[in-house]
């Protein structure tokens, strides 16, 4: 699982804050192809790091280019 600090983000992908995003994170896990493009890079963050860690771990296993911002 890839992980970076917020200051290390270089603007090379889309940031998704799971605390304010309108897509429930469970839907991202069950239907990622509906919400994400496999050819893009995504950065996930949340207030405590729990949801973003789960999402990044599972989506990474599915072949998505994802990183957790801590």
Protein backbone atom coordinates (compact mmCIF):
# COMPACT_ATOMS: atom_id res chain seq x y z
CA UNK A 1 0.00 0.00 0.00
CA UNK A 2 1.34 3.40 -0.99
CA UNK A 3 1.16 6.20 1.55
CA UNK A 4 2.31 9.84 1.47
CA UNK A 5 1.96 12.95 3.60
CA UNK A 6 -0.26 15.75 2.37
CA UNK A 7 2.78 17.98 1.76
CA UNK A 8 4.20 15.37 -0.62
CA UNK A 9 1.19 15.48 -2.97
CA UNK A 10 2.35 16.82 -6.34
CA UNK A 11 -0.99 17.35 -8.07
CA UNK A 12 -0.56 14.32 -10.32
CA UNK A 13 -3.90 12.70 -9.53
CA UNK A 14 -7.32 13.27 -8.04
CA UNK A 15 -7.72 13.65 -4.27
CA UNK A 16 -10.83 12.04 -2.80
CA UNK A 17 -11.65 12.98 0.78
CA UNK A 18 -13.80 10.14 2.08
CA UNK A 19 -15.21 12.35 4.86
CA UNK A 20 -16.89 14.76 2.44
CA UNK A 21 -17.16 12.83 -0.85
CA UNK A 22 -20.73 12.19 -1.94
CA UNK A 23 -19.96 8.56 -2.85
CA UNK A 24 -20.13 6.29 0.20
CA UNK A 25 -16.79 4.53 0.43
CA UNK A 26 -18.46 1.12 0.56
CA UNK A 27 -19.75 1.71 -2.97
CA UNK A 28 -16.21 2.46 -4.12
CA UNK A 29 -15.17 -0.93 -2.81
CA UNK A 30 -18.02 -2.89 -4.38
CA UNK A 31 -18.40 -0.98 -7.67
CA UNK A 32 -15.11 0.81 -8.34
CA UNK A 33 -15.53 0.69 -12.11
CA UNK A 34 -18.66 2.83 -11.75
CA UNK A 35 -16.80 5.66 -9.98
CA UNK A 36 -13.12 5.38 -10.92
CA UNK A 37 -11.13 5.26 -14.15
CA UNK A 38 -8.52 2.51 -14.03
CA UNK A 39 -6.12 4.72 -16.06
CA UNK A 40 -6.06 7.59 -13.54
CA UNK A 41 -4.24 8.00 -10.26
CA UNK A 42 -6.21 8.59 -7.07
CA UNK A 43 -5.27 9.80 -3.61
CA UNK A 44 -7.58 9.00 -0.70
CA UNK A 45 -7.75 10.77 2.63
CA UNK A 46 -10.03 10.83 5.66
CA UNK A 47 -9.89 12.30 9.15
CA UNK A 48 -8.61 9.23 11.01
CA UNK A 49 -7.02 7.23 8.19
CA UNK A 50 -9.16 4.15 8.72
CA UNK A 51 -11.48 4.43 5.72
CA UNK A 52 -8.73 5.63 3.40
CA UNK A 53 -6.44 2.74 4.44
CA UNK A 54 -9.18 0.19 3.73
CA UNK A 55 -10.09 1.75 0.39
CA UNK A 56 -6.46 2.02 -0.77
CA UNK A 57 -5.64 -1.53 0.29
CA UNK A 58 -8.63 -3.07 -1.47
CA UNK A 59 -8.49 -0.93 -4.63
CA UNK A 60 -4.76 -1.54 -4.94
CA UNK A 61 -5.43 -5.28 -4.84
CA UNK A 62 -7.90 -4.74 -7.70
CA UNK A 63 -5.23 -3.04 -9.81
CA UNK A 64 -6.05 0.64 -9.30
CA UNK A 65 -3.28 3.23 -8.90
CA UNK A 66 -4.18 4.53 -5.45
CA UNK A 67 -2.31 6.17 -2.59
CA UNK A 68 -3.32 7.08 0.95
CA UNK A 69 -2.67 10.62 2.13
CA UNK A 70 -1.93 10.78 5.85
